[in-house]
Amino acid sequence: MKFEWKGVFPAVTTQFSKKDELDLPMFEKNLKAQLDAGVDGIVLGGTLGESSTLTSSEKENLIKFTIEKVKGKVPVILNVAEGSTKEAIQQTANAVKWGADGLMLLPPMRYKADDRETVVFFKAVAETTKLPIMIYNNPVDYKIEVTLDMFEELKDCKNINAVKESTRNVSNVTKMRNRFGDRFKILCGVDTIALEELLLGADGWVAGLVCAFPKETVAIYKLAKQGKIEEAAKIYRWFMPLLELDIHPKLVQYIKLAAAEAGIGSEYVRAPRLTLAGEERKRILSIIKEGLKNRPKL
């Protein structure tokens, strides 16, 4: 499928049952809510998808199930986050075999590669596939920053054509535009600065709280791109306490709980993660319930 790295791409959660098995009916319920809201793509097996806990067969089941349900309406993107170049290439080959439309590619996991090693890693993966690739640039969580100079070295890789911008530095949108024009599409990867980056020229939003609030997320994106800034900001202000759940180490548990409260997900996670308990659960629930109580009418 030919597509643009543009619009809202939910980083969807992987739904599990109480028995720690894939819960495909609940996953389908959330997927339908995303499609009904008008999202532009689906990202599978990212951080929110608990990728590090999924087996290869589970990833295969998820992607094939998603492709079947999406029916070509939007692209299906698979996350590749591996510790070795060899395994990243294998996962890329799997993605092609399973029918993915594109890849979200992280730098090497666990080993803190230097700039040269990271660029060579990206190029090695890109050279093995024709799938379009979005580089995930998140030095806060994954300790490796993909700098502008590194993107300069990657610009000759024709299928590396987007970045999930998660540096937390909104000026990176302007710096990328100034240096590369439209060579790389830019998608914001941090919910709490999404509107700011969209207004600075980001092409899209790889969103987290969209897993619980798809309509509101899509509305902010569309209003921002239509120049209806105050209308977008009004929803964004309501959304902010919820969006802040995306920037915590327990974002998976927090966002899954929000989706459960919104009726389009469950809060089950895979160990070593545990569902929330005690005062922490009460505190996060109070934020979610306050958001639901004051949910704007679109």
C-alpha atoms as a PDB file:
ATOM      1  CA  MET A   1       0.000   0.000   0.000  1.00  0.00           C
ATOM      2  CA  LYS A   2       1.242   3.480  -0.876  1.00  0.00           C
ATOM      3  CA  PHE A   3       0.571   5.982   1.889  1.00  0.00           C
ATOM      4  CA  GLU A   4       1.735   9.256   3.382  1.00  0.00           C
ATOM      5  CA  TRP A   5       3.289   9.633   6.811  1.00  0.00           C
ATOM      6  CA  LYS A   6       0.605  12.146   7.657  1.00  0.00           C
ATOM      7  CA  GLY A   7      -2.233  12.399  10.174  1.00  0.00           C
ATOM      8  CA  VAL A   8      -2.921  10.482  13.368  1.00  0.00           C
ATOM      9  CA  PHE A   9      -1.161   7.125  13.797  1.00  0.00           C
ATOM     10  CA  PRO A  10      -2.239   5.460  17.062  1.00  0.00           C
ATOM     11  CA  ALA A  11       0.463   3.484  18.845  1.00  0.00           C
ATOM     12  CA  VAL A  12      -2.119   0.912  19.827  1.00  0.00           C
ATOM     13  CA  THR A  13      -1.977  -1.206  22.951  1.00  0.00           C
ATOM     14  CA  THR A  14      -1.815  -4.989  22.784  1.00  0.00           C
ATOM     15  CA  GLN A  15      -4.861  -6.356  24.551  1.00  0.00           C
ATOM     16  CA  PHE A  16      -4.391  -9.327  26.886  1.00  0.00           C
ATOM     17  CA  SER A  17      -6.872 -11.555  28.665  1.00  0.00           C
ATOM     18  CA  LYS A  18      -6.818 -12.349  32.368  1.00  0.00           C
ATOM     19  CA  LYS A  19      -4.973 -15.562  31.397  1.00  0.00           C
ATOM     20  CA  ASP A  20      -2.200 -13.506  29.725  1.00  0.00           C
ATOM     21  CA  GLU A  21      -3.211 -14.470  26.192  1.00  0.00           C
ATOM     22  CA  LEU A  22      -3.909 -12.139  23.270  1.00  0.00           C
ATOM     23  CA  ASP A  23      -7.435 -10.755  23.620  1.00  0.00           C
ATOM     24  CA  LEU A  24      -8.272 -10.262  19.958  1.00  0.00           C
ATOM     25  CA  PRO A  25     -11.982  -9.398  20.483  1.00  0.00           C
ATOM     26  CA  MET A  26     -11.021  -6.514  22.801  1.00  0.00           C
ATOM     27  CA  PHE A  27      -8.218  -5.507  20.454  1.00  0.00           C
ATOM     28  CA  GLU A  28     -10.753  -5.414  17.605  1.00  0.00           C
ATOM     29  CA  LYS A  29     -13.074  -3.217  19.690  1.00  0.00           C
ATOM     30  CA  ASN A  30     -10.324  -0.664  20.180  1.00  0.00           C
ATOM     31  CA  LEU A  31      -9.221  -0.926  16.554  1.00  0.00           C
ATOM     32  CA  LYS A  32     -12.781  -0.221  15.393  1.00  0.00           C
ATOM     33  CA  ALA A  33     -12.938   2.859  17.643  1.00  0.00           C
ATOM     34  CA  GLN A  34      -9.720   4.143  16.046  1.00  0.00           C
ATOM     35  CA  LEU A  35     -10.969   3.584  12.498  1.00  0.00           C
ATOM     36  CA  ASP A  36     -14.383   5.080  13.272  1.00  0.00           C
ATOM     37  CA  ALA A  37     -12.637   8.213  14.590  1.00  0.00           C
ATOM     38  CA  GLY A  38     -10.768   8.612  11.300  1.00  0.00           C
ATOM     39  CA  VAL A  39      -7.174   7.759  12.153  1.00  0.00           C
ATOM     40  CA  ASP A  40      -4.655   7.578   9.309  1.00  0.00           C
ATOM     41  CA  GLY A  41      -2.595   4.513  10.257  1.00  0.00           C
ATOM     42  CA  ILE A  42      -2.039   1.887  12.945  1.00  0.00           C
ATOM     43  CA  VAL A  43       1.292   1.288  14.707  1.00  0.00           C
ATOM     44  CA  LEU A  44       1.646  -2.192  16.208  1.00  0.00           C
ATOM     45  CA  GLY A  45       4.116  -3.468  18.773  1.00  0.00           C
ATOM     46  CA  GLY A  46       5.502  -0.166  19.984  1.00  0.00           C
ATOM     47  CA  THR A  47       6.183   0.783  23.582  1.00  0.00           C
ATOM     48  CA  LEU A  48       2.451   0.926  24.271  1.00  0.00           C
ATOM     49  CA  GLY A  49       2.086  -2.383  22.470  1.00  0.00           C
ATOM     50  CA  GLU A  50       4.459  -3.979  25.027  1.00  0.00           C
ATOM     51  CA  SER A  51       6.685  -5.108  22.181  1.00  0.00           C
ATOM     52  CA  SER A  52       9.476  -6.459  24.380  1.00  0.00           C
ATOM     53  CA  THR A  53       7.081  -9.001  25.931  1.00  0.00           C
ATOM     54  CA  LEU A  54       5.555 -10.290  22.671  1.00  0.00           C
ATOM     55  CA  THR A  55       6.622 -13.502  20.998  1.00  0.00           C
ATOM     56  CA  SER A  56       7.209 -13.578  17.261  1.00  0.00           C
ATOM     57  CA  SER A  57       4.070 -15.673  16.778  1.00  0.00           C
ATOM     58  CA  GLU A  58       2.010 -13.134  18.741  1.00  0.00           C
ATOM     59  CA  LYS A  59       3.335 -10.329  16.545  1.00  0.00           C
ATOM     60  CA  GLU A  60       2.402 -12.353  13.488  1.00  0.00           C
ATOM     61  CA  ASN A  61      -1.102 -12.969  14.836  1.00  0.00           C
ATOM     62  CA  LEU A  62      -1.549  -9.290  15.667  1.00  0.00           C
ATOM     63  CA  ILE A  63      -0.434  -7.948  12.325  1.00  0.00           C
ATOM     64  CA  LYS A  64      -2.394 -10.462  10.264  1.00  0.00           C
ATOM     65  CA  PHE A  65      -5.500  -9.870  12.374  1.00  0.00           C
ATOM     66  CA  THR A  66      -5.127  -6.096  12.039  1.00  0.00           C
ATOM     67  CA  ILE A  67      -4.648  -6.251   8.272  1.00  0.00           C
ATOM     68  CA  GLU A  68      -7.761  -8.421   7.987  1.00  0.00           C
ATOM     69  CA  LYS A  69      -9.872  -5.992  10.026  1.00  0.00           C
ATOM     70  CA  VAL A  70      -8.466  -2.773   8.535  1.00  0.00           C
ATOM     71  CA  LYS A  71      -9.292  -3.981   4.997  1.00  0.00           C
ATOM     72  CA  GLY A  72      -6.836  -1.578   3.365  1.00  0.00           C
ATOM     73  CA  LYS A  73      -8.403   1.571   4.839  1.00  0.00           C
ATOM     74  CA  VAL A  74      -5.162   2.674   6.517  1.00  0.00           C
ATOM     75  CA  PRO A  75      -1.559   1.425   6.568  1.00  0.00           C
ATOM     76  CA  VAL A  76      -0.451  -1.035   9.236  1.00  0.00           C
ATOM     77  CA  ILE A  77       2.993  -0.249  10.645  1.00  0.00           C
ATOM     78  CA  LEU A  78       5.106  -2.701  12.647  1.00  0.00           C
ATOM     79  CA  ASN A  79       7.615  -1.552  15.221  1.00  0.00           C
ATOM     80  CA  VAL A  80      11.150  -2.994  15.007  1.00  0.00           C
ATOM     81  CA  ALA A  81      13.087  -2.642  18.266  1.00  0.00           C
ATOM     82  CA  GLU A  82      15.923  -5.147  18.534  1.00  0.00           C
ATOM     83  CA  GLY A  83      19.277  -5.481  20.220  1.00  0.00           C
ATOM     84  CA  SER A  84      21.208  -6.729  17.208  1.00  0.00           C
ATOM     85  CA  THR A  85      21.353  -5.753  13.555  1.00  0.00           C
ATOM     86  CA  LYS A  86      20.825  -9.397  12.596  1.00  0.00           C
ATOM     87  CA  GLU A  87      17.591  -9.660  14.584  1.00  0.00           C
ATOM     88  CA  ALA A  88      16.333  -6.278  13.313  1.00  0.00           C
ATOM     89  CA  ILE A  89      16.840  -7.507   9.748  1.00  0.00           C
ATOM     90  CA  GLN A  90      14.994 -10.733  10.588  1.00  0.00           C
ATOM     91  CA  GLN A  91      12.072  -8.831  12.112  1.00  0.00           C
ATOM     92  CA  THR A  92      11.981  -6.616   9.030  1.00  0.00           C
ATOM     93  CA  ALA A  93      11.802  -9.713   6.829  1.00  0.00           C
ATOM     94  CA  ASN A  94       8.985 -11.010   9.033  1.00  0.00           C
ATOM     95  CA  ALA A  95       7.118  -7.731   8.649  1.00  0.00           C
ATOM     96  CA  VAL A  96       7.284  -8.048   4.871  1.00  0.00           C
ATOM     97  CA  LYS A  97       6.151 -11.680   4.999  1.00  0.00           C
ATOM     98  CA  TRP A  98       3.259 -10.863   7.315  1.00  0.00           C
ATOM     99  CA  GLY A  99       2.029  -8.007   5.131  1.00  0.00           C
ATOM    100  CA  ALA A 100       3.029  -4.836   6.973  1.00  0.00           C
ATOM    101  CA  ASP A 101       2.816  -1.584   5.020  1.00  0.00           C
ATOM    102  CA  GLY A 102       5.699   0.135   6.807  1.00  0.00           C
ATOM    103  CA  LEU A 103       8.119   0.044   9.729  1.00  0.00           C
ATOM    104  CA  MET A 104       8.835   2.133  12.788  1.00  0.00           C
ATOM    105  CA  LEU A 105      12.521   1.542  13.484  1.00  0.00           C
ATOM    106  CA  LEU A 106      14.309   2.192  16.767  1.00  0.00           C
ATOM    107  CA  PRO A 107      18.075   2.441  17.292  1.00  0.00           C
ATOM    108  CA  PRO A 108      19.781  -0.635  18.768  1.00  0.00           C
ATOM    109  CA  MET A 109      18.225  -1.678  22.060  1.00  0.00           C
ATOM    110  CA  ARG A 110      20.210  -2.165  25.287  1.00  0.00           C
ATOM    111  CA  TYR A 111      23.600  -1.237  23.765  1.00  0.00           C
ATOM    112  CA  LYS A 112      24.135   2.523  23.567  1.00  0.00           C
ATOM    113  CA  ALA A 113      25.494   2.729  20.042  1.00  0.00           C
ATOM    114  CA  ASP A 114      27.457   5.813  19.004  1.00  0.00           C
ATOM    115  CA  ASP A 115      26.435   7.974  16.040  1.00  0.00           C
ATOM    116  CA  ARG A 116      28.381   5.979  13.440  1.00  0.00           C
ATOM    117  CA  GLU A 117      27.106   2.645  14.719  1.00  0.00           C
ATOM    118  CA  THR A 118      23.513   3.889  14.808  1.00  0.00           C
ATOM    119  CA  VAL A 119      23.620   5.203  11.239  1.00  0.00           C
ATOM    120  CA  VAL A 120      25.157   1.952   9.981  1.00  0.00           C
ATOM    121  CA  PHE A 121      22.465   0.011  11.855  1.00  0.00           C
ATOM    122  CA  PHE A 122      19.647   2.020  10.236  1.00  0.00           C
ATOM    123  CA  LYS A 123      21.193   1.715   6.779  1.00  0.00           C
ATOM    124  CA  ALA A 124      21.717  -2.028   7.157  1.00  0.00           C
ATOM    125  CA  VAL A 125      18.046  -2.561   7.950  1.00  0.00           C
ATOM    126  CA  ALA A 126      16.788  -0.156   5.277  1.00  0.00           C
ATOM    127  CA  GLU A 127      18.858  -1.836   2.559  1.00  0.00           C
ATOM    128  CA  THR A 128      17.076  -5.161   3.124  1.00  0.00           C
ATOM    129  CA  THR A 129      13.553  -3.917   2.407  1.00  0.00           C
ATOM    130  CA  LYS A 130      11.458  -1.666   0.210  1.00  0.00           C
ATOM    131  CA  LEU A 131       9.048  -0.890   3.047  1.00  0.00           C
ATOM    132  CA  PRO A 132       8.873   2.793   4.056  1.00  0.00           C
ATOM    133  CA  ILE A 133      10.582   3.450   7.374  1.00  0.00           C
ATOM    134  CA  MET A 134       9.910   5.951  10.145  1.00  0.00           C
ATOM    135  CA  ILE A 135      12.875   6.415  12.496  1.00  0.00           C
ATOM    136  CA  TYR A 136      11.839   6.610  16.153  1.00  0.00           C
ATOM    137  CA  ASN A 137      13.954   9.358  17.739  1.00  0.00           C
ATOM    138  CA  ASN A 138      13.475   9.098  21.509  1.00  0.00           C
ATOM    139  CA  PRO A 139      16.710   9.810  23.400  1.00  0.00           C
ATOM    140  CA  VAL A 140      14.826  10.377  26.669  1.00  0.00           C
ATOM    141  CA  ASP A 141      13.674   6.766  26.934  1.00  0.00           C
ATOM    142  CA  TYR A 142      16.139   4.933  24.682  1.00  0.00           C
ATOM    143  CA  LYS A 143      19.314   6.999  25.317  1.00  0.00           C
ATOM    144  CA  ILE A 144      20.313   7.439  21.665  1.00  0.00           C
ATOM    145  CA  GLU A 145      19.569  10.701  19.860  1.00  0.00           C
ATOM    146  CA  VAL A 146      19.345  10.716  16.087  1.00  0.00           C
ATOM    147  CA  THR A 147      20.869  14.116  15.379  1.00  0.00           C
ATOM    148  CA  LEU A 148      20.423  16.308  12.318  1.00  0.00           C
ATOM    149  CA  ASP A 149      23.893  15.308  11.148  1.00  0.00           C
ATOM    150  CA  MET A 150      22.866  11.660  11.359  1.00  0.00           C
ATOM    151  CA  PHE A 151      19.725  12.362   9.321  1.00  0.00           C
ATOM    152  CA  GLU A 152      22.039  14.018   6.783  1.00  0.00           C
ATOM    153  CA  GLU A 153      23.788  10.658   6.402  1.00  0.00           C
ATOM    154  CA  LEU A 154      20.441   8.855   6.135  1.00  0.00           C
ATOM    155  CA  LYS A 155      18.808  11.086   3.546  1.00  0.00           C
ATOM    156  CA  ASP A 156      20.152   9.008   0.640  1.00  0.00           C
ATOM    157  CA  CYS A 157      18.212   5.987   1.955  1.00  0.00           C
ATOM    158  CA  LYS A 158      15.088   6.480  -0.112  1.00  0.00           C
ATOM    159  CA  ASN A 159      12.837   4.368   2.106  1.00  0.00           C
ATOM    160  CA  ILE A 160      13.809   6.175   5.318  1.00  0.00           C
ATOM    161  CA  ASN A 161      11.290   8.945   4.893  1.00  0.00           C
ATOM    162  CA  ALA A 162       9.858   9.910   8.283  1.00  0.00           C
ATOM    163  CA  VAL A 163      10.744  10.481  11.920  1.00  0.00           C
ATOM    164  CA  LYS A 164       8.736   9.980  15.072  1.00  0.00           C
ATOM    165  CA  GLU A 165       9.992  13.073  16.867  1.00  0.00           C
ATOM    166  CA  SER A 166      10.155  12.308  20.591  1.00  0.00           C
ATOM    167  CA  THR A 167      13.145  14.345  21.738  1.00  0.00           C
ATOM    168  CA  ARG A 168      10.801  16.656  23.732  1.00  0.00           C
ATOM    169  CA  ASN A 169      12.461  19.580  21.929  1.00  0.00           C
ATOM    170  CA  VAL A 170       9.793  21.309  19.826  1.00  0.00           C
ATOM    171  CA  SER A 171      12.450  23.304  17.990  1.00  0.00           C
ATOM    172  CA  ASN A 172      13.544  20.076  16.302  1.00  0.00           C
ATOM    173  CA  VAL A 173      10.537  20.383  13.982  1.00  0.00           C
ATOM    174  CA  THR A 174      11.791  23.743  12.731  1.00  0.00           C
ATOM    175  CA  LYS A 175      15.409  22.568  12.573  1.00  0.00           C
ATOM    176  CA  MET A 176      14.441  19.528  10.496  1.00  0.00           C
ATOM    177  CA  ARG A 177      12.355  21.678   8.143  1.00  0.00           C
ATOM    178  CA  ASN A 178      15.115  24.267   7.771  1.00  0.00           C
ATOM    179  CA  ARG A 179      17.730  21.660   6.942  1.00  0.00           C
ATOM    180  CA  PHE A 180      15.794  19.061   4.955  1.00  0.00           C
ATOM    181  CA  GLY A 181      12.615  20.746   3.722  1.00  0.00           C
ATOM    182  CA  ASP A 182      10.066  17.995   3.087  1.00  0.00           C
ATOM    183  CA  ARG A 183      12.635  15.198   2.692  1.00  0.00           C
ATOM    184  CA  PHE A 184      11.530  13.669   6.011  1.00  0.00           C
ATOM    185  CA  LYS A 185       7.946  13.693   7.232  1.00  0.00           C
ATOM    186  CA  ILE A 186       7.751  14.612  10.902  1.00  0.00           C
ATOM    187  CA  LEU A 187       5.307  13.002  13.310  1.00  0.00           C
ATOM    188  CA  CYS A 188       5.136  14.115  16.931  1.00  0.00           C
ATOM    189  CA  GLY A 189       5.635  11.225  19.328  1.00  0.00           C
ATOM    190  CA  VAL A 190       4.945  12.982  22.641  1.00  0.00           C
ATOM    191  CA  ASP A 191       1.307  13.686  23.468  1.00  0.00           C
ATOM    192  CA  THR A 192       1.959  16.712  25.697  1.00  0.00           C
ATOM    193  CA  ILE A 193       3.594  18.757  22.922  1.00  0.00           C
ATOM    194  CA  ALA A 194       1.597  17.474  19.969  1.00  0.00           C
ATOM    195  CA  LEU A 195      -0.433  20.604  19.247  1.00  0.00           C
ATOM    196  CA  GLU A 196       2.670  22.789  19.485  1.00  0.00           C
ATOM    197  CA  GLU A 197       4.568  20.611  17.005  1.00  0.00           C
ATOM    198  CA  LEU A 198       1.610  20.364  14.628  1.00  0.00           C
ATOM    199  CA  LEU A 199       1.390  24.153  14.548  1.00  0.00           C
ATOM    200  CA  LEU A 200       5.129  24.329  13.836  1.00  0.00           C
ATOM    201  CA  GLY A 201       4.666  22.142  10.790  1.00  0.00           C
ATOM    202  CA  ALA A 202       4.734  18.510  11.941  1.00  0.00           C
ATOM    203  CA  ASP A 203       2.904  16.293   9.467  1.00  0.00           C
ATOM    204  CA  GLY A 204       1.333  13.941  11.959  1.00  0.00           C
ATOM    205  CA  TRP A 205       1.017  12.541  15.436  1.00  0.00           C
ATOM    206  CA  VAL A 206       1.961   9.068  16.674  1.00  0.00           C
ATOM    207  CA  ALA A 207      -0.406   9.258  19.606  1.00  0.00           C
ATOM    208  CA  GLY A 208      -0.799   7.428  22.914  1.00  0.00           C
ATOM    209  CA  LEU A 209      -3.969   8.658  24.642  1.00  0.00           C
ATOM    210  CA  VAL A 210      -5.720   8.136  21.329  1.00  0.00           C
ATOM    211  CA  CYS A 211      -6.026   4.552  22.609  1.00  0.00           C
ATOM    212  CA  ALA A 212      -8.670   5.840  25.024  1.00  0.00           C
ATOM    213  CA  PHE A 213      -9.829   9.035  23.306  1.00  0.00           C
ATOM    214  CA  PRO A 214      -9.587   8.586  19.517  1.00  0.00           C
ATOM    215  CA  LYS A 215     -12.183  11.162  18.469  1.00  0.00           C
ATOM    216  CA  GLU A 216     -10.645  13.944  20.525  1.00  0.00           C
ATOM    217  CA  THR A 217      -7.152  13.181  19.222  1.00  0.00           C
ATOM    218  CA  VAL A 218      -8.265  13.242  15.590  1.00  0.00           C
ATOM    219  CA  ALA A 219     -10.262  16.435  16.216  1.00  0.00           C
ATOM    220  CA  ILE A 220      -7.199  18.259  17.555  1.00  0.00           C
ATOM    221  CA  TYR A 221      -5.138  17.192  14.554  1.00  0.00           C
ATOM    222  CA  LYS A 222      -7.769  18.227  12.013  1.00  0.00           C
ATOM    223  CA  LEU A 223      -8.528  21.561  13.660  1.00  0.00           C
ATOM    224  CA  ALA A 224      -4.824  22.390  13.906  1.00  0.00           C
ATOM    225  CA  LYS A 225      -4.297  21.653  10.222  1.00  0.00           C
ATOM    226  CA  GLN A 226      -7.378  23.713   9.306  1.00  0.00           C
ATOM    227  CA  GLY A 227      -5.918  26.699  11.179  1.00  0.00           C
ATOM    228  CA  LYS A 228      -8.679  26.594  13.802  1.00  0.00           C
ATOM    229  CA  ILE A 229      -6.173  27.048  16.579  1.00  0.00           C
ATOM    230  CA  GLU A 230      -8.445  28.232  19.372  1.00  0.00           C
ATOM    231  CA  GLU A 231     -10.876  25.376  18.770  1.00  0.00           C
ATOM    232  CA  ALA A 232      -8.014  22.894  18.828  1.00  0.00           C
ATOM    233  CA  ALA A 233      -6.515  24.510  21.936  1.00  0.00           C
ATOM    234  CA  LYS A 234      -9.816  24.295  23.813  1.00  0.00           C
ATOM    235  CA  ILE A 235      -9.906  20.501  23.406  1.00  0.00           C
ATOM    236  CA  TYR A 236      -6.162  20.286  24.083  1.00  0.00           C
ATOM    237  CA  ARG A 237      -6.502  22.146  27.385  1.00  0.00           C
ATOM    238  CA  TRP A 238      -9.153  19.695  28.529  1.00  0.00           C
ATOM    239  CA  PHE A 239      -6.975  16.813  27.326  1.00  0.00           C
ATOM    240  CA  MET A 240      -3.699  17.870  28.970  1.00  0.00           C
ATOM    241  CA  PRO A 241      -4.066  16.128  32.381  1.00  0.00           C
ATOM    242  CA  LEU A 242      -4.802  12.930  30.469  1.00  0.00           C
ATOM    243  CA  LEU A 243      -2.015  13.472  27.932  1.00  0.00           C
ATOM    244  CA  GLU A 244       0.454  13.709  30.809  1.00  0.00           C
ATOM    245  CA  LEU A 245      -0.182  10.007  31.436  1.00  0.00           C
ATOM    246  CA  ASP A 246       1.852   9.413  28.256  1.00  0.00           C
ATOM    247  CA  ILE A 247       5.133  10.708  29.708  1.00  0.00           C
ATOM    248  CA  HIS A 248       5.425   8.446  32.748  1.00  0.00           C
ATOM    249  CA  PRO A 249       7.352   5.146  32.952  1.00  0.00           C
ATOM    250  CA  LYS A 250       4.002   3.446  33.603  1.00  0.00           C
ATOM    251  CA  LEU A 251       2.356   4.939  30.513  1.00  0.00           C
ATOM    252  CA  VAL A 252       1.224   1.470  29.421  1.00  0.00           C
ATOM    253  CA  GLN A 253      -0.683   0.810  32.652  1.00  0.00           C
ATOM    254  CA  TYR A 254      -2.039   4.369  32.771  1.00  0.00           C
ATOM    255  CA  ILE A 255      -3.268   4.424  29.177  1.00  0.00           C
ATOM    256  CA  LYS A 256      -4.726   0.937  29.370  1.00  0.00           C
ATOM    257  CA  LEU A 257      -6.670   1.948  32.474  1.00  0.00           C
ATOM    258  CA  ALA A 258      -7.941   5.032  30.623  1.00  0.00           C
ATOM    259  CA  ALA A 259      -9.075   2.877  27.691  1.00  0.00           C
ATOM    260  CA  ALA A 260     -10.820   0.499  30.089  1.00  0.00           C
ATOM    261  CA  GLU A 261     -12.667   3.380  31.740  1.00  0.00           C
ATOM    262  CA  ALA A 262     -13.602   4.731  28.310  1.00  0.00           C
ATOM    263  CA  GLY A 263     -15.046   1.317  27.426  1.00  0.00           C
ATOM    264  CA  ILE A 264     -12.700   0.416  24.572  1.00  0.00           C
ATOM    265  CA  GLY A 265      -9.996  -1.626  26.278  1.00  0.00           C
ATOM    266  CA  SER A 266      -8.923  -3.585  29.331  1.00  0.00           C
ATOM    267  CA  GLU A 267      -6.261  -2.815  31.899  1.00  0.00           C
ATOM    268  CA  TYR A 268      -4.508  -6.202  31.744  1.00  0.00           C
ATOM    269  CA  VAL A 269      -0.763  -5.926  31.135  1.00  0.00           C
ATOM    270  CA  ARG A 270       1.961  -8.529  30.747  1.00  0.00           C
ATOM    271  CA  ALA A 271       4.500  -9.164  33.522  1.00  0.00           C
ATOM    272  CA  PRO A 272       6.814  -7.780  34.653  1.00  0.00           C
ATOM    273  CA  ARG A 273       4.304  -4.949  34.368  1.00  0.00           C
ATOM    274  CA  LEU A 274       1.468  -5.212  36.878  1.00  0.00           C
ATOM    275  CA  THR A 275      -1.943  -3.584  36.856  1.00  0.00           C
ATOM    276  CA  LEU A 276      -2.157  -0.554  39.094  1.00  0.00           C
ATOM    277  CA  ALA A 277      -3.031  -0.928  42.760  1.00  0.00           C
ATOM    278  CA  GLY A 278      -3.600   1.089  45.929  1.00  0.00           C
ATOM    279  CA  GLU A 279      -3.166   4.839  46.080  1.00  0.00           C
ATOM    280  CA  GLU A 280      -1.512   5.025  42.662  1.00  0.00           C
ATOM    281  CA  ARG A 281      -4.550   3.445  41.001  1.00  0.00           C
ATOM    282  CA  LYS A 282      -6.895   5.780  42.869  1.00  0.00           C
ATOM    283  CA  ARG A 283      -4.860   8.808  41.796  1.00  0.00           C
ATOM    284  CA  ILE A 284      -4.758   7.848  38.109  1.00  0.00           C
ATOM    285  CA  LEU A 285      -8.434   6.861  38.142  1.00  0.00           C
ATOM    286  CA  SER A 286      -9.349  10.279  39.534  1.00  0.00           C
ATOM    287  CA  ILE A 287      -7.579  11.980  36.611  1.00  0.00           C
ATOM    288  CA  ILE A 288      -9.310   9.707  34.107  1.00  0.00           C
ATOM    289  CA  LYS A 289     -12.756  10.071  35.678  1.00  0.00           C
ATOM    290  CA  GLU A 290     -12.395  13.862  35.800  1.00  0.00           C
ATOM    291  CA  GLY A 291     -11.538  13.836  32.115  1.00  0.00           C
ATOM    292  CA  LEU A 292     -14.491  11.636  31.260  1.00  0.00           C
ATOM    293  CA  LYS A 293     -16.839  13.795  33.300  1.00  0.00           C
ATOM    294  CA  ASN A 294     -15.765  16.935  31.444  1.00  0.00           C
ATOM    295  CA  ARG A 295     -15.292  15.314  28.044  1.00  0.00           C
ATOM    296  CA  PRO A 296     -16.010  17.940  25.375  1.00  0.00           C
ATOM    297  CA  LYS A 297     -18.825  17.569  22.902  1.00  0.00           C
ATOM    298  CA  LEU A 298     -17.311  17.514  19.424  1.00  0.00           C
END
